[in-house]
Amino acid sequence: MKILLNIATHGNEKIGQRVVKELEKLNIDKKTLVVQIANERAFRLNKRCIDQDLNRSFPGKKNGNYEERRAYELSPIIKSADIVIDLHSTTSALKDAFIVTKLDKKTLEYTKVIQPKYVLIMNATKNNALISQAKVGIAFEYGKDNDIFVVRKIVIGVKKILKHLKIIHANLPNSKIVTSYFDVTSTVDKPKGYKLLKKIKNYKIVCKGEVYAKKGNLKLIAKKDFYPIIFGDKNYKDIFGFEAKKININY
């Protein structure tokens, strides 16, 4: 069994480093739990990326820009692991999001083990995200980078996986959370100068005909019902975030 614990896909997200420090206390064989700093150069410079978002660069290019080359180098390493756990932080008030690019039998098994509040099936980015290269790929995006409670929740989530795989023995808290599942289907464009209305929140439905952003007297109106995911004015340059449908999963 090889578990790849991936940190710093975005170089300025340091939460993975904090999680690793906690997990090192378990003294797990380093061939079983392998730690990988994905975007090394951006991590050293404390920047999100060098040329482009590494988490939108897979499977990469041998002769591309820095992130494309890095994705090309990482792809075979990611594919060699039995499970890849990608650790992120967020500034979008997303909170407690467990992100996957597919929800097959094995991936669903891990969601049931962890019982997160939200599972996001990222069909909008499923072909070029880091975890898209994995046999089983999951990402934790539970909250802000410097929040110790977020670190603790991620550590517990990873420990639940390790316990499920019989790598560790531990008494861990049982979750009574009912998980909500969202199929994240596409991006939502951010025209220049438009600002989101304060009422627009992640996981809160925006109904067809509802205004969700303004630029002076100009308005952006929803053409259909959707749930905002990773939404914010500052998360991305050209998009507000993603739109999703809420779905039911029968175990």
C-alpha atoms as a PDB file:
ATOM      1  CA  MET A   1       0.000   0.000   0.000  1.00  0.00           C
ATOM      2  CA  LYS A   2       1.342   3.395  -1.025  1.00  0.00           C
ATOM      3  CA  ILE A   3      -0.444   6.559   0.099  1.00  0.00           C
ATOM      4  CA  LEU A   4       0.748   9.803  -1.460  1.00  0.00           C
ATOM      5  CA  LEU A   5       0.136  12.789   0.800  1.00  0.00           C
ATOM      6  CA  ASN A   6       0.405  15.765  -1.519  1.00  0.00           C
ATOM      7  CA  ILE A   7       0.963  19.279  -0.193  1.00  0.00           C
ATOM      8  CA  ALA A   8       1.465  22.731  -1.740  1.00  0.00           C
ATOM      9  CA  THR A   9      -0.201  22.155  -5.082  1.00  0.00           C
ATOM     10  CA  HIS A  10      -0.684  25.879  -4.559  1.00  0.00           C
ATOM     11  CA  GLY A  11       2.579  27.131  -3.115  1.00  0.00           C
ATOM     12  CA  ASN A  12       1.100  29.679  -0.727  1.00  0.00           C
ATOM     13  CA  GLU A  13      -1.182  27.133   0.955  1.00  0.00           C
ATOM     14  CA  LYS A  14       0.834  25.994   3.978  1.00  0.00           C
ATOM     15  CA  ILE A  15      -1.848  23.960   5.701  1.00  0.00           C
ATOM     16  CA  GLY A  16      -0.487  20.708   4.271  1.00  0.00           C
ATOM     17  CA  GLN A  17       2.849  21.353   5.983  1.00  0.00           C
ATOM     18  CA  ARG A  18       1.037  21.727   9.324  1.00  0.00           C
ATOM     19  CA  VAL A  19      -0.944  18.532   8.772  1.00  0.00           C
ATOM     20  CA  VAL A  20       2.225  16.610   7.913  1.00  0.00           C
ATOM     21  CA  LYS A  21       3.873  17.717  11.168  1.00  0.00           C
ATOM     22  CA  GLU A  22       0.973  16.181  13.099  1.00  0.00           C
ATOM     23  CA  LEU A  23       0.978  12.968  11.078  1.00  0.00           C
ATOM     24  CA  GLU A  24       4.747  12.521  11.487  1.00  0.00           C
ATOM     25  CA  LYS A  25       4.039  11.785  15.161  1.00  0.00           C
ATOM     26  CA  LEU A  26       2.488   8.475  14.047  1.00  0.00           C
ATOM     27  CA  ASN A  27       5.871   7.216  12.765  1.00  0.00           C
ATOM     28  CA  ILE A  28       4.383   5.552   9.697  1.00  0.00           C
ATOM     29  CA  ASP A  29       6.832   3.931   7.291  1.00  0.00           C
ATOM     30  CA  LYS A  30       7.825   6.572   4.737  1.00  0.00           C
ATOM     31  CA  LYS A  31       7.366   4.086   1.908  1.00  0.00           C
ATOM     32  CA  THR A  32       3.738   3.644   2.964  1.00  0.00           C
ATOM     33  CA  LEU A  33       2.918   7.313   3.592  1.00  0.00           C
ATOM     34  CA  VAL A  34       4.875   9.378   1.074  1.00  0.00           C
ATOM     35  CA  VAL A  35       4.867  13.173   1.424  1.00  0.00           C
ATOM     36  CA  GLN A  36       5.209  15.174  -1.782  1.00  0.00           C
ATOM     37  CA  ILE A  37       5.593  18.942  -2.200  1.00  0.00           C
ATOM     38  CA  ALA A  38       3.857  19.414  -5.540  1.00  0.00           C
ATOM     39  CA  ASN A  39       4.747  22.965  -6.562  1.00  0.00           C
ATOM     40  CA  GLU A  40       8.213  23.233  -5.031  1.00  0.00           C
ATOM     41  CA  ARG A  41       9.271  26.520  -6.615  1.00  0.00           C
ATOM     42  CA  ALA A  42       6.033  28.323  -5.734  1.00  0.00           C
ATOM     43  CA  PHE A  43       6.211  26.834  -2.216  1.00  0.00           C
ATOM     44  CA  ARG A  44       9.696  28.295  -1.670  1.00  0.00           C
ATOM     45  CA  LEU A  45       8.538  31.704  -2.954  1.00  0.00           C
ATOM     46  CA  ASN A  46       5.228  31.560  -1.047  1.00  0.00           C
ATOM     47  CA  LYS A  47       3.311  32.135  -4.293  1.00  0.00           C
ATOM     48  CA  ARG A  48       0.206  30.357  -5.551  1.00  0.00           C
ATOM     49  CA  CYS A  49       1.967  29.446  -8.789  1.00  0.00           C
ATOM     50  CA  ILE A  50       4.781  30.472 -11.120  1.00  0.00           C
ATOM     51  CA  ASP A  51       3.213  30.499 -14.590  1.00  0.00           C
ATOM     52  CA  GLN A  52      -0.254  29.005 -14.137  1.00  0.00           C
ATOM     53  CA  ASP A  53      -2.365  27.045 -11.672  1.00  0.00           C
ATOM     54  CA  LEU A  54      -0.720  23.639 -11.212  1.00  0.00           C
ATOM     55  CA  ASN A  55      -4.106  22.169 -10.317  1.00  0.00           C
ATOM     56  CA  ARG A  56      -5.304  23.002 -13.842  1.00  0.00           C
ATOM     57  CA  SER A  57      -2.171  21.773 -15.615  1.00  0.00           C
ATOM     58  CA  PHE A  58      -2.397  17.974 -15.689  1.00  0.00           C
ATOM     59  CA  PRO A  59      -1.371  15.726 -17.336  1.00  0.00           C
ATOM     60  CA  GLY A  60       1.235  18.342 -18.207  1.00  0.00           C
ATOM     61  CA  LYS A  61       3.700  18.928 -21.051  1.00  0.00           C
ATOM     62  CA  LYS A  62       7.307  17.818 -21.300  1.00  0.00           C
ATOM     63  CA  ASN A  63       8.376  21.140 -22.828  1.00  0.00           C
ATOM     64  CA  GLY A  64       5.708  23.455 -21.416  1.00  0.00           C
ATOM     65  CA  ASN A  65       5.892  26.244 -18.835  1.00  0.00           C
ATOM     66  CA  TYR A  66       6.984  25.528 -15.257  1.00  0.00           C
ATOM     67  CA  GLU A  67       3.658  24.151 -14.002  1.00  0.00           C
ATOM     68  CA  GLU A  68       3.071  22.134 -17.162  1.00  0.00           C
ATOM     69  CA  ARG A  69       6.527  20.555 -16.837  1.00  0.00           C
ATOM     70  CA  ARG A  70       5.967  19.924 -13.148  1.00  0.00           C
ATOM     71  CA  ALA A  71       2.612  18.245 -13.871  1.00  0.00           C
ATOM     72  CA  TYR A  72       4.327  16.067 -16.480  1.00  0.00           C
ATOM     73  CA  GLU A  73       6.937  15.011 -13.885  1.00  0.00           C
ATOM     74  CA  LEU A  74       4.341  14.368 -11.166  1.00  0.00           C
ATOM     75  CA  SER A  75       1.825  12.403 -13.233  1.00  0.00           C
ATOM     76  CA  PRO A  76       3.636   9.015 -13.122  1.00  0.00           C
ATOM     77  CA  ILE A  77       4.304   9.438  -9.387  1.00  0.00           C
ATOM     78  CA  ILE A  78       0.628  10.144  -8.754  1.00  0.00           C
ATOM     79  CA  LYS A  79      -0.438   7.184 -10.887  1.00  0.00           C
ATOM     80  CA  SER A  80       1.874   4.852  -8.956  1.00  0.00           C
ATOM     81  CA  ALA A  81       0.110   5.454  -5.627  1.00  0.00           C
ATOM     82  CA  ASP A  82      -2.864   3.434  -4.368  1.00  0.00           C
ATOM     83  CA  ILE A  83      -4.470   6.593  -3.028  1.00  0.00           C
ATOM     84  CA  VAL A  84      -3.562  10.278  -3.377  1.00  0.00           C
ATOM     85  CA  ILE A  85      -4.606  12.759  -0.692  1.00  0.00           C
ATOM     86  CA  ASP A  86      -4.234  16.379  -1.783  1.00  0.00           C
ATOM     87  CA  LEU A  87      -4.278  19.012   0.988  1.00  0.00           C
ATOM     88  CA  HIS A  88      -5.546  22.535   0.349  1.00  0.00           C
ATOM     89  CA  SER A  89      -6.754  25.629   2.144  1.00  0.00           C
ATOM     90  CA  THR A  90      -9.261  28.155   0.849  1.00  0.00           C
ATOM     91  CA  THR A  91     -10.199  31.819   1.286  1.00  0.00           C
ATOM     92  CA  SER A  92     -13.699  31.359  -0.143  1.00  0.00           C
ATOM     93  CA  ALA A  93     -15.544  30.306   3.046  1.00  0.00           C
ATOM     94  CA  LEU A  94     -16.009  26.946   1.366  1.00  0.00           C
ATOM     95  CA  LYS A  95     -15.577  24.954   4.611  1.00  0.00           C
ATOM     96  CA  ASP A  96     -15.418  21.197   5.085  1.00  0.00           C
ATOM     97  CA  ALA A  97     -15.253  20.278   1.393  1.00  0.00           C
ATOM     98  CA  PHE A  98     -14.025  16.854   0.339  1.00  0.00           C
ATOM     99  CA  ILE A  99     -13.198  17.091  -3.370  1.00  0.00           C
ATOM    100  CA  VAL A 100     -13.065  14.255  -5.903  1.00  0.00           C
ATOM    101  CA  THR A 101     -13.051  14.055  -9.692  1.00  0.00           C
ATOM    102  CA  LYS A 102     -15.022  10.813  -9.802  1.00  0.00           C
ATOM    103  CA  LEU A 103     -17.328   8.993  -7.416  1.00  0.00           C
ATOM    104  CA  ASP A 104     -16.664   5.364  -8.191  1.00  0.00           C
ATOM    105  CA  LYS A 105     -17.066   2.545  -5.664  1.00  0.00           C
ATOM    106  CA  LYS A 106     -13.631   2.992  -4.086  1.00  0.00           C
ATOM    107  CA  THR A 107     -13.843   6.770  -3.818  1.00  0.00           C
ATOM    108  CA  LEU A 108     -17.314   6.534  -2.312  1.00  0.00           C
ATOM    109  CA  GLU A 109     -15.910   4.095   0.240  1.00  0.00           C
ATOM    110  CA  TYR A 110     -13.522   6.773   1.519  1.00  0.00           C
ATOM    111  CA  THR A 111     -16.207   9.440   1.659  1.00  0.00           C
ATOM    112  CA  LYS A 112     -18.255   7.120   3.859  1.00  0.00           C
ATOM    113  CA  VAL A 113     -15.241   6.540   6.109  1.00  0.00           C
ATOM    114  CA  ILE A 114     -14.565  10.253   6.572  1.00  0.00           C
ATOM    115  CA  GLN A 115     -18.176  11.530   6.511  1.00  0.00           C
ATOM    116  CA  PRO A 116     -17.367  15.116   5.532  1.00  0.00           C
ATOM    117  CA  LYS A 117     -20.021  17.796   5.489  1.00  0.00           C
ATOM    118  CA  TYR A 118     -19.758  18.300   1.726  1.00  0.00           C
ATOM    119  CA  VAL A 119     -18.505  16.181  -1.173  1.00  0.00           C
ATOM    120  CA  LEU A 120     -17.776  18.055  -4.403  1.00  0.00           C
ATOM    121  CA  ILE A 121     -17.530  15.991  -7.581  1.00  0.00           C
ATOM    122  CA  MET A 122     -15.465  18.352  -9.726  1.00  0.00           C
ATOM    123  CA  ASN A 123     -16.599  17.444 -13.227  1.00  0.00           C
ATOM    124  CA  ALA A 124     -15.740  20.987 -14.293  1.00  0.00           C
ATOM    125  CA  THR A 125     -12.012  20.325 -13.754  1.00  0.00           C
ATOM    126  CA  LYS A 126     -11.902  16.536 -13.818  1.00  0.00           C
ATOM    127  CA  ASN A 127      -9.405  16.258 -16.677  1.00  0.00           C
ATOM    128  CA  ASN A 128      -6.665  18.609 -15.474  1.00  0.00           C
ATOM    129  CA  ALA A 129      -6.712  18.532 -11.660  1.00  0.00           C
ATOM    130  CA  LEU A 130      -3.884  16.773  -9.820  1.00  0.00           C
ATOM    131  CA  ILE A 131      -6.164  14.113  -8.346  1.00  0.00           C
ATOM    132  CA  SER A 132      -7.541  13.325 -11.809  1.00  0.00           C
ATOM    133  CA  GLN A 133      -4.326  11.346 -12.438  1.00  0.00           C
ATOM    134  CA  ALA A 134      -4.819   9.099  -9.398  1.00  0.00           C
ATOM    135  CA  LYS A 135      -6.310   5.628  -9.064  1.00  0.00           C
ATOM    136  CA  VAL A 136      -8.165   7.060  -6.078  1.00  0.00           C
ATOM    137  CA  GLY A 137      -7.757  10.811  -5.615  1.00  0.00           C
ATOM    138  CA  ILE A 138      -9.282  12.932  -2.866  1.00  0.00           C
ATOM    139  CA  ALA A 139      -8.653  16.497  -1.756  1.00  0.00           C
ATOM    140  CA  PHE A 140      -9.371  18.168   1.552  1.00  0.00           C
ATOM    141  CA  GLU A 141     -10.395  21.817   1.290  1.00  0.00           C
ATOM    142  CA  TYR A 142     -11.743  22.418   4.777  1.00  0.00           C
ATOM    143  CA  GLY A 143     -11.037  26.084   5.453  1.00  0.00           C
ATOM    144  CA  LYS A 144      -8.469  28.798   6.020  1.00  0.00           C
ATOM    145  CA  ASP A 145      -4.739  28.221   6.006  1.00  0.00           C
ATOM    146  CA  ASN A 146      -3.942  29.426   9.535  1.00  0.00           C
ATOM    147  CA  ASP A 147      -6.960  27.940  11.329  1.00  0.00           C
ATOM    148  CA  ILE A 148      -5.795  25.328  13.860  1.00  0.00           C
ATOM    149  CA  PHE A 149      -9.274  23.800  14.000  1.00  0.00           C
ATOM    150  CA  VAL A 150      -9.171  23.205  10.249  1.00  0.00           C
ATOM    151  CA  VAL A 151      -5.780  21.503  10.635  1.00  0.00           C
ATOM    152  CA  ARG A 152      -7.209  19.248  13.349  1.00  0.00           C
ATOM    153  CA  LYS A 153     -10.217  18.272  11.240  1.00  0.00           C
ATOM    154  CA  ILE A 154      -7.997  17.371   8.283  1.00  0.00           C
ATOM    155  CA  VAL A 155      -5.670  15.348  10.523  1.00  0.00           C
ATOM    156  CA  ILE A 156      -8.654  13.403  11.875  1.00  0.00           C
ATOM    157  CA  GLY A 157      -9.905  12.808   8.322  1.00  0.00           C
ATOM    158  CA  VAL A 158      -6.547  11.436   7.180  1.00  0.00           C
ATOM    159  CA  LYS A 159      -6.287   9.304  10.316  1.00  0.00           C
ATOM    160  CA  LYS A 160      -9.705   7.808   9.533  1.00  0.00           C
ATOM    161  CA  ILE A 161      -8.372   6.711   6.154  1.00  0.00           C
ATOM    162  CA  LEU A 162      -5.236   5.259   7.748  1.00  0.00           C
ATOM    163  CA  LYS A 163      -7.321   3.403  10.311  1.00  0.00           C
ATOM    164  CA  HIS A 164      -9.666   2.097   7.618  1.00  0.00           C
ATOM    165  CA  LEU A 165      -6.630   0.743   5.756  1.00  0.00           C
ATOM    166  CA  LYS A 166      -5.355  -0.846   8.997  1.00  0.00           C
ATOM    167  CA  ILE A 167      -2.163   1.223   8.903  1.00  0.00           C
ATOM    168  CA  ILE A 168      -2.828   2.698  12.353  1.00  0.00           C
ATOM    169  CA  HIS A 169      -4.950   1.835  15.372  1.00  0.00           C
ATOM    170  CA  ALA A 170      -6.638   4.845  16.911  1.00  0.00           C
ATOM    171  CA  ASN A 171      -9.719   5.944  18.785  1.00  0.00           C
ATOM    172  CA  LEU A 172     -11.252   8.619  16.593  1.00  0.00           C
ATOM    173  CA  PRO A 173     -14.456  10.633  16.989  1.00  0.00           C
ATOM    174  CA  ASN A 174     -17.516   9.283  15.192  1.00  0.00           C
ATOM    175  CA  SER A 175     -19.188  11.766  12.900  1.00  0.00           C
ATOM    176  CA  LYS A 176     -22.959  12.181  12.863  1.00  0.00           C
ATOM    177  CA  ILE A 177     -22.857  14.505   9.878  1.00  0.00           C
ATOM    178  CA  VAL A 178     -25.171  13.848   6.947  1.00  0.00           C
ATOM    179  CA  THR A 179     -23.030  14.441   3.876  1.00  0.00           C
ATOM    180  CA  SER A 180     -24.329  16.644   1.060  1.00  0.00           C
ATOM    181  CA  TYR A 181     -23.137  15.803  -2.468  1.00  0.00           C
ATOM    182  CA  PHE A 182     -22.716  18.332  -5.282  1.00  0.00           C
ATOM    183  CA  ASP A 183     -22.005  17.698  -8.946  1.00  0.00           C
ATOM    184  CA  VAL A 184     -19.846  20.680  -9.940  1.00  0.00           C
ATOM    185  CA  THR A 185     -20.540  21.107 -13.626  1.00  0.00           C
ATOM    186  CA  SER A 186     -19.089  24.383 -14.943  1.00  0.00           C
ATOM    187  CA  THR A 187     -17.482  27.730 -14.213  1.00  0.00           C
ATOM    188  CA  VAL A 188     -19.310  31.033 -13.709  1.00  0.00           C
ATOM    189  CA  ASP A 189     -17.677  33.905 -15.615  1.00  0.00           C
ATOM    190  CA  LYS A 190     -16.669  37.115 -13.852  1.00  0.00           C
ATOM    191  CA  PRO A 191     -17.020  40.046 -16.279  1.00  0.00           C
ATOM    192  CA  LYS A 192     -14.684  42.933 -15.518  1.00  0.00           C
ATOM    193  CA  GLY A 193     -15.950  45.244 -12.785  1.00  0.00           C
ATOM    194  CA  TYR A 194     -18.766  43.037 -11.495  1.00  0.00           C
ATOM    195  CA  LYS A 195     -18.993  42.260  -7.773  1.00  0.00           C
ATOM    196  CA  LEU A 196     -20.884  39.451  -6.092  1.00  0.00           C
ATOM    197  CA  LEU A 197     -23.820  40.365  -3.910  1.00  0.00           C
ATOM    198  CA  LYS A 198     -23.162  39.701  -0.219  1.00  0.00           C
ATOM    199  CA  LYS A 199     -26.092  37.300  -0.039  1.00  0.00           C
ATOM    200  CA  ILE A 200     -24.373  34.844  -2.411  1.00  0.00           C
ATOM    201  CA  LYS A 201     -22.901  32.045  -0.313  1.00  0.00           C
ATOM    202  CA  ASN A 202     -21.317  28.681  -1.068  1.00  0.00           C
ATOM    203  CA  TYR A 203     -23.852  25.817  -0.982  1.00  0.00           C
ATOM    204  CA  LYS A 204     -26.846  28.234  -0.866  1.00  0.00           C
ATOM    205  CA  ILE A 205     -29.001  27.906  -3.969  1.00  0.00           C
ATOM    206  CA  VAL A 206     -29.211  30.777  -6.478  1.00  0.00           C
ATOM    207  CA  CYS A 207     -32.570  30.557  -8.208  1.00  0.00           C
ATOM    208  CA  LYS A 208     -33.280  31.201 -11.872  1.00  0.00           C
ATOM    209  CA  GLY A 209     -33.925  34.922 -12.394  1.00  0.00           C
ATOM    210  CA  GLU A 210     -32.038  35.928  -9.240  1.00  0.00           C
ATOM    211  CA  VAL A 211     -29.405  38.686  -9.395  1.00  0.00           C
ATOM    212  CA  TYR A 212     -26.038  37.420  -8.142  1.00  0.00           C
ATOM    213  CA  ALA A 213     -23.597  40.182  -9.177  1.00  0.00           C
ATOM    214  CA  LYS A 214     -23.675  43.891 -10.085  1.00  0.00           C
ATOM    215  CA  LYS A 215     -21.614  46.561 -11.792  1.00  0.00           C
ATOM    216  CA  GLY A 216     -23.266  49.872 -10.997  1.00  0.00           C
ATOM    217  CA  ASN A 217     -26.790  49.527 -12.373  1.00  0.00           C
ATOM    218  CA  LEU A 218     -25.846  46.506 -14.501  1.00  0.00           C
ATOM    219  CA  LYS A 219     -26.834  43.084 -13.197  1.00  0.00           C
ATOM    220  CA  LEU A 220     -25.911  39.459 -13.735  1.00  0.00           C
ATOM    221  CA  ILE A 221     -29.003  37.265 -13.538  1.00  0.00           C
ATOM    222  CA  ALA A 222     -29.023  33.497 -13.078  1.00  0.00           C
ATOM    223  CA  LYS A 223     -30.270  31.695 -16.182  1.00  0.00           C
ATOM    224  CA  LYS A 224     -31.048  28.557 -14.131  1.00  0.00           C
ATOM    225  CA  ASP A 225     -30.972  27.318 -10.557  1.00  0.00           C
ATOM    226  CA  PHE A 226     -27.458  26.550  -9.305  1.00  0.00           C
ATOM    227  CA  TYR A 227     -25.434  26.129  -6.140  1.00  0.00           C
ATOM    228  CA  PRO A 228     -22.323  28.354  -5.870  1.00  0.00           C
ATOM    229  CA  ILE A 229     -19.114  26.436  -5.156  1.00  0.00           C
ATOM    230  CA  ILE A 230     -15.707  28.013  -4.313  1.00  0.00           C
ATOM    231  CA  PHE A 231     -17.385  31.362  -4.971  1.00  0.00           C
ATOM    232  CA  GLY A 232     -15.781  34.733  -4.281  1.00  0.00           C
ATOM    233  CA  ASP A 233     -14.594  37.987  -5.840  1.00  0.00           C
ATOM    234  CA  LYS A 234     -10.899  37.243  -5.265  1.00  0.00           C
ATOM    235  CA  ASN A 235     -10.522  33.485  -5.709  1.00  0.00           C
ATOM    236  CA  TYR A 236      -9.964  33.563  -9.464  1.00  0.00           C
ATOM    237  CA  LYS A 237      -9.135  36.195 -12.066  1.00  0.00           C
ATOM    238  CA  ASP A 238     -11.800  35.463 -14.688  1.00  0.00           C
ATOM    239  CA  ILE A 239     -14.469  33.464 -12.854  1.00  0.00           C
ATOM    240  CA  PHE A 240     -16.472  33.878  -9.657  1.00  0.00           C
ATOM    241  CA  GLY A 241     -16.237  30.144  -9.056  1.00  0.00           C
ATOM    242  CA  PHE A 242     -18.272  27.129 -10.087  1.00  0.00           C
ATOM    243  CA  GLU A 243     -21.914  26.172 -10.385  1.00  0.00           C
ATOM    244  CA  ALA A 244     -23.247  22.856  -9.146  1.00  0.00           C
ATOM    245  CA  LYS A 245     -26.277  20.638  -8.814  1.00  0.00           C
ATOM    246  CA  LYS A 246     -27.129  18.967  -5.529  1.00  0.00           C
ATOM    247  CA  ILE A 247     -27.454  15.207  -5.960  1.00  0.00           C
ATOM    248  CA  ASN A 248     -28.611  12.239  -3.922  1.00  0.00           C
ATOM    249  CA  ILE A 249     -26.299   9.312  -3.328  1.00  0.00           C
ATOM    250  CA  ASN A 250     -27.748   5.944  -2.384  1.00  0.00           C
ATOM    251  CA  TYR A 251     -25.309   3.802  -0.419  1.00  0.00           C
END
